[in-house]
Amino acid sequence: MTSLDLAFGATGLLALVGGLLAVTTRHVVHAALWLVVALLGVAGSLLVLGSELVSLVLVLVYVGAIVVLVLFALMVTRAPIGPDTAHTVGWPRRIGGALSGAAVAVLLGAVLVPLVGGASGGAIKRAAVDSTTVAQDLFGVWVWPFEILSLLLLAALVAALAVSRIRRDETEVPS
């Protein structure tokens, strides 16, 4: 067992534990923070596998944008930060959910395990693409759509903040 195998196992375990804690915690903010840990574990696994560009994009897009957007939405909407007891479910539903999750994991394993070791079974061969080509396309051809999208998201965040600051007495219609 090499050091890369150990690093992959450690980052995979980090992603698994972070994902389980993100799903099982009763605190919404804690769930968002455990999601960060899970995504960093996945990014670490991708980094160990030698896919630096995908790992960097995962950290920038998901950890840097999506989780920050979730936390910002929690702050803007003034959602309760404590444990959420209003949406608790009983043990039969929890067991049913766990069994459904295990069934999906078994199905995914049955499909993906035969692919390990190069036994593709007639899969379509793809051309090798290096990160330089992807970066040239991303920052050459697609830079303006991404910039326009980022400005649109920034305007939506500012508008959400402005709407959340309106006082109740100003929005009520006098009778």
N, C-alpha and C. Protein backbone atom coordinates (compact mmCIF):
# COMPACT_ATOMS: atom_id res chain seq x y z
N MET A 1 0.85 -1.17 0.00
CA MET A 1 0.00 0.00 0.00
C MET A 1 0.89 1.24 0.00
N THR A 2 0.69 2.08 -0.98
CA THR A 2 1.54 3.26 -1.12
C THR A 2 0.97 4.42 -0.31
N SER A 3 1.73 5.49 -0.27
CA SER A 3 1.27 6.68 0.45
C SER A 3 0.10 7.33 -0.27
N LEU A 4 0.02 7.21 -1.59
CA LEU A 4 -1.12 7.75 -2.33
C LEU A 4 -2.40 6.99 -1.99
N ASP A 5 -2.27 5.67 -1.80
CA ASP A 5 -3.43 4.88 -1.39
C ASP A 5 -3.93 5.32 -0.02
N LEU A 6 -3.00 5.56 0.90
CA LEU A 6 -3.38 6.01 2.23
C LEU A 6 -4.01 7.41 2.18
N ALA A 7 -3.45 8.30 1.37
CA ALA A 7 -4.01 9.64 1.25
C ALA A 7 -5.41 9.60 0.63
N PHE A 8 -5.59 8.74 -0.37
CA PHE A 8 -6.91 8.61 -0.98
C PHE A 8 -7.91 8.06 0.02
N GLY A 9 -7.51 7.07 0.79
CA GLY A 9 -8.40 6.51 1.82
C GLY A 9 -8.75 7.55 2.88
N ALA A 10 -7.78 8.35 3.29
CA ALA A 10 -8.03 9.36 4.31
C ALA A 10 -8.97 10.45 3.80
N THR A 11 -8.76 10.91 2.57
CA THR A 11 -9.65 11.95 2.04
C THR A 11 -11.04 11.38 1.74
N GLY A 12 -11.10 10.13 1.32
CA GLY A 12 -12.41 9.50 1.12
C GLY A 12 -13.16 9.33 2.43
N LEU A 13 -12.45 8.96 3.49
CA LEU A 13 -13.08 8.84 4.81
C LEU A 13 -13.55 10.21 5.30
N LEU A 14 -12.75 11.24 5.06
CA LEU A 14 -13.14 12.60 5.43
C LEU A 14 -14.41 13.02 4.70
N ALA A 15 -14.49 12.71 3.42
CA ALA A 15 -15.69 13.05 2.64
C ALA A 15 -16.90 12.27 3.14
N LEU A 16 -16.71 11.00 3.45
CA LEU A 16 -17.82 10.17 3.94
C LEU A 16 -18.33 10.66 5.29
N VAL A 17 -17.44 10.93 6.21
CA VAL A 17 -17.85 11.39 7.54
C VAL A 17 -18.49 12.77 7.45
N GLY A 18 -17.91 13.66 6.66
CA GLY A 18 -18.49 14.99 6.48
C GLY A 18 -19.88 14.93 5.86
N GLY A 19 -20.07 14.05 4.88
CA GLY A 19 -21.37 13.91 4.26
C GLY A 19 -22.41 13.34 5.20
N LEU A 20 -22.02 12.34 5.98
CA LEU A 20 -22.95 11.75 6.95
C LEU A 20 -23.34 12.77 8.02
N LEU A 21 -22.38 13.54 8.51
CA LEU A 21 -22.68 14.54 9.52
C LEU A 21 -23.51 15.70 8.94
N ALA A 22 -23.30 16.02 7.67
CA ALA A 22 -24.10 17.08 7.04
C ALA A 22 -25.56 16.67 6.92
N VAL A 23 -25.79 15.39 6.71
CA VAL A 23 -27.16 14.91 6.55
C VAL A 23 -27.84 14.67 7.89
N THR A 24 -27.09 14.25 8.90
CA THR A 24 -27.71 13.85 10.15
C THR A 24 -27.79 14.95 11.20
N THR A 25 -27.11 16.07 11.04
CA THR A 25 -27.15 17.11 12.06
C THR A 25 -28.49 17.84 12.04
N ARG A 26 -28.88 18.37 13.19
CA ARG A 26 -30.15 19.09 13.29
C ARG A 26 -29.96 20.59 13.15
N HIS A 27 -28.73 21.08 13.13
CA HIS A 27 -28.45 22.50 12.97
C HIS A 27 -28.20 22.81 11.51
N VAL A 28 -28.89 23.79 10.97
CA VAL A 28 -28.76 24.12 9.54
C VAL A 28 -27.38 24.66 9.24
N VAL A 29 -26.86 25.52 10.10
CA VAL A 29 -25.53 26.09 9.87
C VAL A 29 -24.46 25.01 9.99
N HIS A 30 -24.62 24.11 10.95
CA HIS A 30 -23.67 23.02 11.08
C HIS A 30 -23.70 22.11 9.85
N ALA A 31 -24.89 21.90 9.29
CA ALA A 31 -25.01 21.09 8.08
C ALA A 31 -24.24 21.73 6.93
N ALA A 32 -24.34 23.06 6.80
CA ALA A 32 -23.60 23.76 5.74
C ALA A 32 -22.10 23.64 5.96
N LEU A 33 -21.66 23.73 7.21
CA LEU A 33 -20.23 23.62 7.48
C LEU A 33 -19.72 22.19 7.29
N TRP A 34 -20.53 21.19 7.63
CA TRP A 34 -20.13 19.80 7.37
C TRP A 34 -20.12 19.53 5.87
N LEU A 35 -20.98 20.23 5.12
CA LEU A 35 -20.94 20.10 3.67
C LEU A 35 -19.62 20.61 3.12
N VAL A 36 -19.10 21.68 3.70
CA VAL A 36 -17.77 22.18 3.31
C VAL A 36 -16.72 21.10 3.54
N VAL A 37 -16.77 20.45 4.69
CA VAL A 37 -15.80 19.39 5.00
C VAL A 37 -15.92 18.24 4.00
N ALA A 38 -17.15 17.85 3.67
CA ALA A 38 -17.35 16.76 2.72
C ALA A 38 -16.82 17.14 1.34
N LEU A 39 -17.10 18.35 0.90
CA LEU A 39 -16.62 18.77 -0.42
C LEU A 39 -15.11 18.91 -0.45
N LEU A 40 -14.51 19.34 0.64
CA LEU A 40 -13.05 19.39 0.68
C LEU A 40 -12.45 17.98 0.66
N GLY A 41 -13.13 17.03 1.27
CA GLY A 41 -12.67 15.64 1.18
C GLY A 41 -12.72 15.11 -0.23
N VAL A 42 -13.80 15.43 -0.96
CA VAL A 42 -13.90 15.01 -2.36
C VAL A 42 -12.83 15.69 -3.20
N ALA A 43 -12.60 16.99 -2.94
CA ALA A 43 -11.55 17.71 -3.68
C ALA A 43 -10.18 17.11 -3.38
N GLY A 44 -9.95 16.72 -2.14
CA GLY A 44 -8.68 16.07 -1.80
C GLY A 44 -8.52 14.73 -2.51
N SER A 45 -9.61 13.98 -2.61
CA SER A 45 -9.55 12.70 -3.34
C SER A 45 -9.21 12.93 -4.81
N LEU A 46 -9.83 13.94 -5.40
CA LEU A 46 -9.53 14.25 -6.80
C LEU A 46 -8.10 14.72 -6.97
N LEU A 47 -7.59 15.44 -5.99
CA LEU A 47 -6.20 15.90 -6.06
C LEU A 47 -5.23 14.73 -5.98
N VAL A 48 -5.54 13.76 -5.12
CA VAL A 48 -4.69 12.57 -5.01
C VAL A 48 -4.72 11.78 -6.32
N LEU A 49 -5.88 11.75 -6.99
CA LEU A 49 -5.99 11.01 -8.24
C LEU A 49 -5.32 11.72 -9.42
N GLY A 50 -4.84 12.95 -9.20
CA GLY A 50 -4.12 13.66 -10.25
C GLY A 50 -4.98 14.58 -11.09
N SER A 51 -6.16 14.88 -10.65
CA SER A 51 -7.05 15.77 -11.41
C SER A 51 -7.10 17.11 -10.69
N GLU A 52 -6.02 17.88 -10.85
CA GLU A 52 -5.88 19.14 -10.13
C GLU A 52 -6.91 20.17 -10.56
N LEU A 53 -7.21 20.24 -11.85
CA LEU A 53 -8.14 21.26 -12.35
C LEU A 53 -9.55 21.01 -11.81
N VAL A 54 -10.01 19.77 -11.84
CA VAL A 54 -11.34 19.46 -11.33
C VAL A 54 -11.41 19.71 -9.83
N SER A 55 -10.34 19.40 -9.12
CA SER A 55 -10.29 19.64 -7.68
C SER A 55 -10.37 21.14 -7.38
N LEU A 56 -9.64 21.94 -8.14
CA LEU A 56 -9.66 23.39 -7.94
C LEU A 56 -11.03 23.97 -8.28
N VAL A 57 -11.64 23.51 -9.35
CA VAL A 57 -12.97 23.99 -9.72
C VAL A 57 -13.99 23.60 -8.66
N LEU A 58 -13.88 22.40 -8.11
CA LEU A 58 -14.80 21.98 -7.06
C LEU A 58 -14.67 22.88 -5.83
N VAL A 59 -13.45 23.21 -5.45
CA VAL A 59 -13.26 24.08 -4.29
C VAL A 59 -13.77 25.48 -4.59
N LEU A 60 -13.45 26.01 -5.77
CA LEU A 60 -13.87 27.37 -6.08
C LEU A 60 -15.37 27.49 -6.25
N VAL A 61 -15.97 26.58 -6.98
CA VAL A 61 -17.39 26.71 -7.30
C VAL A 61 -18.26 26.27 -6.13
N TYR A 62 -18.02 25.07 -5.62
CA TYR A 62 -18.93 24.56 -4.60
C TYR A 62 -18.63 25.12 -3.22
N VAL A 63 -17.38 25.03 -2.78
CA VAL A 63 -17.05 25.52 -1.45
C VAL A 63 -17.05 27.04 -1.44
N GLY A 64 -16.51 27.64 -2.47
CA GLY A 64 -16.39 29.09 -2.48
C GLY A 64 -17.65 29.83 -2.84
N ALA A 65 -18.56 29.20 -3.54
CA ALA A 65 -19.74 29.92 -3.99
C ALA A 65 -21.03 29.35 -3.43
N ILE A 66 -21.27 28.08 -3.63
CA ILE A 66 -22.56 27.50 -3.25
C ILE A 66 -22.75 27.51 -1.74
N VAL A 67 -21.76 27.08 -0.98
CA VAL A 67 -21.91 27.04 0.47
C VAL A 67 -21.99 28.45 1.04
N VAL A 68 -21.22 29.38 0.49
CA VAL A 68 -21.31 30.77 0.93
C VAL A 68 -22.69 31.33 0.60
N LEU A 69 -23.24 30.96 -0.54
CA LEU A 69 -24.60 31.40 -0.90
C LEU A 69 -25.64 30.82 0.06
N VAL A 70 -25.47 29.56 0.47
CA VAL A 70 -26.39 28.96 1.43
C VAL A 70 -26.31 29.69 2.77
N LEU A 71 -25.10 29.95 3.24
CA LEU A 71 -24.94 30.66 4.51
C LEU A 71 -25.49 32.09 4.40
N PHE A 72 -25.28 32.75 3.27
CA PHE A 72 -25.81 34.09 3.06
C PHE A 72 -27.33 34.06 3.07
N ALA A 73 -27.93 33.07 2.44
CA ALA A 73 -29.39 32.95 2.43
C ALA A 73 -29.92 32.71 3.83
N LEU A 74 -29.21 31.93 4.64
CA LEU A 74 -29.63 31.72 6.02
C LEU A 74 -29.58 33.02 6.81
N MET A 75 -28.56 33.83 6.56
CA MET A 75 -28.46 35.10 7.28
C MET A 75 -29.52 36.09 6.81
N VAL A 76 -29.78 36.14 5.51
CA VAL A 76 -30.74 37.11 4.97
C VAL A 76 -32.15 36.78 5.42
N THR A 77 -32.51 35.51 5.38
CA THR A 77 -33.88 35.12 5.73
C THR A 77 -34.09 35.02 7.23
N ARG A 78 -33.03 35.22 7.98
CA ARG A 78 -33.11 35.13 9.44
C ARG A 78 -33.71 33.79 9.87
N ALA A 79 -33.23 32.74 9.25
CA ALA A 79 -33.70 31.38 9.58
C ALA A 79 -33.23 31.02 10.98
N PRO A 80 -33.98 30.19 11.68
CA PRO A 80 -33.54 29.79 13.02
C PRO A 80 -32.25 28.99 12.93
N ILE A 81 -31.33 29.30 13.83
CA ILE A 81 -30.01 28.68 13.78
C ILE A 81 -29.96 27.43 14.65
N GLY A 82 -30.81 27.34 15.65
CA GLY A 82 -30.79 26.20 16.56
C GLY A 82 -31.27 24.93 15.90
N PRO A 83 -31.42 23.88 16.70
CA PRO A 83 -31.89 22.61 16.13
C PRO A 83 -33.31 22.75 15.59
N ASP A 84 -33.56 22.10 14.47
CA ASP A 84 -34.86 22.17 13.82
C ASP A 84 -35.70 20.98 14.28
N THR A 85 -36.57 21.22 15.25
CA THR A 85 -37.41 20.15 15.76
C THR A 85 -38.76 20.10 15.08
N ALA A 86 -39.08 21.09 14.25
CA ALA A 86 -40.38 21.11 13.58
C ALA A 86 -40.47 20.07 12.47
N HIS A 87 -39.33 19.65 11.94
CA HIS A 87 -39.33 18.72 10.81
C HIS A 87 -38.75 17.36 11.19
N THR A 88 -38.92 16.96 12.41
CA THR A 88 -38.41 15.65 12.81
C THR A 88 -39.34 14.55 12.31
N VAL A 89 -38.76 13.41 12.03
CA VAL A 89 -39.54 12.27 11.56
C VAL A 89 -39.32 11.11 12.52
N GLY A 90 -40.22 10.16 12.47
CA GLY A 90 -40.14 9.00 13.34
C GLY A 90 -39.12 7.98 12.86
N TRP A 91 -38.90 6.97 13.68
CA TRP A 91 -37.93 5.93 13.37
C TRP A 91 -38.28 5.12 12.12
N PRO A 92 -39.57 4.83 11.85
CA PRO A 92 -39.85 4.06 10.63
C PRO A 92 -39.40 4.79 9.36
N ARG A 93 -39.59 6.11 9.33
CA ARG A 93 -39.15 6.86 8.14
C ARG A 93 -37.63 6.94 8.07
N ARG A 94 -36.98 7.04 9.20
CA ARG A 94 -35.51 7.06 9.20
C ARG A 94 -34.95 5.73 8.70
N ILE A 95 -35.53 4.64 9.16
CA ILE A 95 -35.07 3.32 8.72
C ILE A 95 -35.35 3.14 7.23
N GLY A 96 -36.52 3.60 6.77
CA GLY A 96 -36.84 3.53 5.34
C GLY A 96 -35.87 4.35 4.50
N GLY A 97 -35.51 5.53 4.99
CA GLY A 97 -34.54 6.35 4.28
C GLY A 97 -33.16 5.71 4.24
N ALA A 98 -32.76 5.10 5.37
CA ALA A 98 -31.46 4.42 5.41
C ALA A 98 -31.45 3.22 4.47
N LEU A 99 -32.54 2.47 4.42
CA LEU A 99 -32.61 1.33 3.50
C LEU A 99 -32.60 1.79 2.05
N SER A 100 -33.30 2.89 1.75
CA SER A 100 -33.29 3.43 0.38
C SER A 100 -31.89 3.88 -0.02
N GLY A 101 -31.20 4.55 0.90
CA GLY A 101 -29.83 4.97 0.63
C GLY A 101 -28.89 3.80 0.41
N ALA A 102 -29.06 2.75 1.23
CA ALA A 102 -28.22 1.57 1.06
C ALA A 102 -28.52 0.87 -0.27
N ALA A 103 -29.79 0.85 -0.68
CA ALA A 103 -30.14 0.22 -1.97
C ALA A 103 -29.52 1.00 -3.13
N VAL A 104 -29.54 2.31 -3.06
CA VAL A 104 -28.92 3.12 -4.11
C VAL A 104 -27.41 2.89 -4.14
N ALA A 105 -26.78 2.79 -2.95
CA ALA A 105 -25.34 2.54 -2.90
C ALA A 105 -25.00 1.18 -3.49
N VAL A 106 -25.82 0.17 -3.23
CA VAL A 106 -25.58 -1.16 -3.80
C VAL A 106 -25.73 -1.13 -5.31
N LEU A 107 -26.75 -0.44 -5.81
CA LEU A 107 -26.93 -0.34 -7.26
C LEU A 107 -25.78 0.40 -7.93
N LEU A 108 -25.34 1.49 -7.33
CA LEU A 108 -24.19 2.21 -7.89
C LEU A 108 -22.93 1.35 -7.85
N GLY A 109 -22.75 0.62 -6.75
CA GLY A 109 -21.60 -0.28 -6.67
C GLY A 109 -21.65 -1.37 -7.71
N ALA A 110 -22.84 -1.92 -7.96
CA ALA A 110 -22.98 -2.98 -8.97
C ALA A 110 -22.67 -2.47 -10.36
N VAL A 111 -22.92 -1.20 -10.60
CA VAL A 111 -22.63 -0.63 -11.92
C VAL A 111 -21.17 -0.21 -12.03
N LEU A 112 -20.62 0.37 -10.96
CA LEU A 112 -19.29 0.96 -11.04
C LEU A 112 -18.15 -0.02 -10.77
N VAL A 113 -18.37 -1.03 -9.96
CA VAL A 113 -17.29 -1.97 -9.63
C VAL A 113 -16.77 -2.71 -10.86
N PRO A 114 -17.61 -3.15 -11.80
CA PRO A 114 -17.05 -3.80 -12.99
C PRO A 114 -16.18 -2.88 -13.85
N LEU A 115 -16.33 -1.57 -13.69
CA LEU A 115 -15.52 -0.64 -14.49
C LEU A 115 -14.11 -0.48 -13.95
N VAL A 116 -13.87 -0.89 -12.72
CA VAL A 116 -12.55 -0.74 -12.11
C VAL A 116 -11.60 -1.75 -12.75
N GLY A 117 -10.42 -1.30 -13.07
CA GLY A 117 -9.42 -2.20 -13.63
C GLY A 117 -9.42 -2.24 -15.14
N GLY A 118 -10.12 -1.33 -15.79
CA GLY A 118 -10.08 -1.25 -17.24
C GLY A 118 -11.07 -2.14 -17.96
N ALA A 119 -11.92 -2.84 -17.26
CA ALA A 119 -12.92 -3.68 -17.91
C ALA A 119 -14.11 -2.82 -18.31
N SER A 120 -13.92 -2.03 -19.36
CA SER A 120 -14.95 -1.05 -19.73
C SER A 120 -16.12 -1.70 -20.46
N GLY A 121 -15.92 -2.82 -21.07
CA GLY A 121 -17.02 -3.52 -21.73
C GLY A 121 -17.60 -2.76 -22.90
N GLY A 122 -16.76 -2.23 -23.75
CA GLY A 122 -17.25 -1.54 -24.94
C GLY A 122 -17.61 -0.08 -24.71
N ALA A 123 -17.00 0.55 -23.71
CA ALA A 123 -17.28 1.96 -23.46
C ALA A 123 -16.67 2.81 -24.58
N ILE A 124 -17.25 3.97 -24.78
CA ILE A 124 -16.78 4.87 -25.82
C ILE A 124 -15.43 5.46 -25.41
N LYS A 125 -14.47 5.40 -26.31
CA LYS A 125 -13.15 5.96 -26.05
C LYS A 125 -13.18 7.46 -26.28
N ARG A 126 -12.64 8.20 -25.33
CA ARG A 126 -12.61 9.65 -25.44
C ARG A 126 -11.20 10.11 -25.74
N ALA A 127 -11.10 11.25 -26.38
CA ALA A 127 -9.79 11.84 -26.64
C ALA A 127 -9.25 12.43 -25.34
N ALA A 128 -7.94 12.33 -25.17
CA ALA A 128 -7.31 12.89 -23.98
C ALA A 128 -7.32 14.41 -24.06
N VAL A 129 -7.76 15.05 -23.00
CA VAL A 129 -7.81 16.51 -22.93
C VAL A 129 -7.00 16.93 -21.72
N ASP A 130 -6.04 17.82 -21.93
CA ASP A 130 -5.26 18.28 -20.80
C ASP A 130 -5.86 19.57 -20.23
N SER A 131 -5.38 19.97 -19.08
CA SER A 131 -5.94 21.13 -18.41
C SER A 131 -5.64 22.44 -19.14
N THR A 132 -4.60 22.47 -19.95
CA THR A 132 -4.29 23.68 -20.71
C THR A 132 -5.39 23.96 -21.74
N THR A 133 -5.87 22.94 -22.41
CA THR A 133 -6.94 23.11 -23.39
C THR A 133 -8.23 23.56 -22.72
N VAL A 134 -8.54 22.96 -21.57
CA VAL A 134 -9.74 23.35 -20.84
C VAL A 134 -9.63 24.80 -20.38
N ALA A 135 -8.46 25.18 -19.87
CA ALA A 135 -8.27 26.55 -19.40
C ALA A 135 -8.36 27.55 -20.54
N GLN A 136 -7.83 27.21 -21.70
CA GLN A 136 -7.92 28.13 -22.85
C GLN A 136 -9.37 28.30 -23.29
N ASP A 137 -10.14 27.21 -23.30
CA ASP A 137 -11.55 27.33 -23.66
C ASP A 137 -12.32 28.12 -22.60
N LEU A 138 -12.04 27.84 -21.35
CA LEU A 138 -12.77 28.49 -20.26
C LEU A 138 -12.49 29.98 -20.20
N PHE A 139 -11.22 30.37 -20.30
CA PHE A 139 -10.87 31.77 -20.17
C PHE A 139 -10.78 32.49 -21.51
N GLY A 140 -10.99 31.80 -22.61
CA GLY A 140 -10.99 32.44 -23.91
C GLY A 140 -12.39 32.57 -24.48
N VAL A 141 -13.04 31.44 -24.66
CA VAL A 141 -14.36 31.42 -25.30
C VAL A 141 -15.47 31.74 -24.30
N TRP A 142 -15.39 31.17 -23.10
CA TRP A 142 -16.51 31.24 -22.17
C TRP A 142 -16.34 32.27 -21.07
N VAL A 143 -15.38 33.17 -21.17
CA VAL A 143 -15.14 34.11 -20.08
C VAL A 143 -16.28 35.12 -19.95
N TRP A 144 -16.83 35.61 -21.06
CA TRP A 144 -17.89 36.63 -20.96
C TRP A 144 -19.21 36.08 -20.44
N PRO A 145 -19.65 34.89 -20.86
CA PRO A 145 -20.87 34.37 -20.22
C PRO A 145 -20.72 34.16 -18.72
N PHE A 146 -19.56 33.72 -18.28
CA PHE A 146 -19.35 33.55 -16.84
C PHE A 146 -19.34 34.89 -16.11
N GLU A 147 -18.75 35.90 -16.71
CA GLU A 147 -18.72 37.22 -16.07
C GLU A 147 -20.11 37.82 -16.00
N ILE A 148 -20.90 37.67 -17.06
CA ILE A 148 -22.28 38.19 -17.04
C ILE A 148 -23.11 37.44 -16.00
N LEU A 149 -22.92 36.14 -15.90
CA LEU A 149 -23.63 35.37 -14.89
C LEU A 149 -23.23 35.80 -13.49
N SER A 150 -21.96 36.07 -13.26
CA SER A 150 -21.53 36.51 -11.93
C SER A 150 -22.12 37.87 -11.59
N LEU A 151 -22.24 38.78 -12.56
CA LEU A 151 -22.89 40.07 -12.30
C LEU A 151 -24.37 39.89 -12.00
N LEU A 152 -25.03 38.98 -12.70
CA LEU A 152 -26.44 38.70 -12.43
C LEU A 152 -26.64 38.14 -11.02
N LEU A 153 -25.77 37.23 -10.61
CA LEU A 153 -25.86 36.68 -9.26
C LEU A 153 -25.56 37.74 -8.19
N LEU A 154 -24.62 38.62 -8.47
CA LEU A 154 -24.32 39.70 -7.53
C LEU A 154 -25.51 40.64 -7.39
N ALA A 155 -26.16 40.97 -8.51
CA ALA A 155 -27.36 41.82 -8.45
C ALA A 155 -28.48 41.13 -7.67
N ALA A 156 -28.62 39.83 -7.83
CA ALA A 156 -29.65 39.09 -7.08
C ALA A 156 -29.35 39.09 -5.59
N LEU A 157 -28.08 38.96 -5.22
CA LEU A 157 -27.73 39.00 -3.81
C LEU A 157 -27.99 40.36 -3.20
N VAL A 158 -27.64 41.42 -3.92
CA VAL A 158 -27.88 42.78 -3.42
C VAL A 158 -29.38 43.03 -3.30
N ALA A 159 -30.16 42.59 -4.28
CA ALA A 159 -31.61 42.76 -4.21
C ALA A 159 -32.20 41.97 -3.06
N ALA A 160 -31.70 40.76 -2.81
CA ALA A 160 -32.20 39.98 -1.68
C ALA A 160 -31.89 40.66 -0.36
N LEU A 161 -30.72 41.24 -0.26
CA LEU A 161 -30.36 41.97 0.95
C LEU A 161 -31.24 43.20 1.13
N ALA A 162 -31.52 43.92 0.04
CA ALA A 162 -32.37 45.11 0.12
C ALA A 162 -33.80 44.74 0.50
N VAL A 163 -34.33 43.67 -0.06
CA VAL A 163 -35.69 43.24 0.26
C VAL A 163 -35.78 42.77 1.71
N SER A 164 -34.74 42.13 2.20
CA SER A 164 -34.78 41.63 3.57
C SER A 164 -34.70 42.75 4.60
N ARG A 165 -34.24 43.92 4.21
CA ARG A 165 -34.10 45.05 5.14
C ARG A 165 -35.34 45.93 5.20
N ILE A 166 -36.36 45.65 4.39
CA ILE A 166 -37.59 46.44 4.41
C ILE A 166 -38.32 46.14 5.71
N ARG A 167 -38.75 47.19 6.39
CA ARG A 167 -39.46 46.99 7.66
C ARG A 167 -40.89 46.55 7.40
N ARG A 168 -41.43 45.84 8.35
CA ARG A 168 -42.81 45.33 8.22
C ARG A 168 -43.83 46.46 8.13
N ASP A 169 -43.65 47.52 8.91
CA ASP A 169 -44.65 48.58 8.93
C ASP A 169 -44.68 49.37 7.62
N GLU A 170 -43.58 49.36 6.85
CA GLU A 170 -43.58 50.05 5.57
C GLU A 170 -44.31 49.25 4.50
N THR A 171 -44.33 47.92 4.62
CA THR A 171 -44.93 47.09 3.58
C THR A 171 -46.42 46.85 3.82
N GLU A 172 -46.91 47.11 5.02
CA GLU A 172 -48.32 46.88 5.31
C GLU A 172 -49.17 47.98 4.69
N VAL A 173 -50.28 47.60 4.10
CA VAL A 173 -51.19 48.56 3.48
C VAL A 173 -52.19 49.02 4.54
N PRO A 174 -52.33 50.36 4.72
CA PRO A 174 -53.31 50.83 5.70
C PRO A 174 -54.72 50.54 5.24
N SER A 175 -55.61 50.21 6.20
CA SER A 175 -56.97 49.88 5.82
C SER A 175 -57.91 51.03 6.00
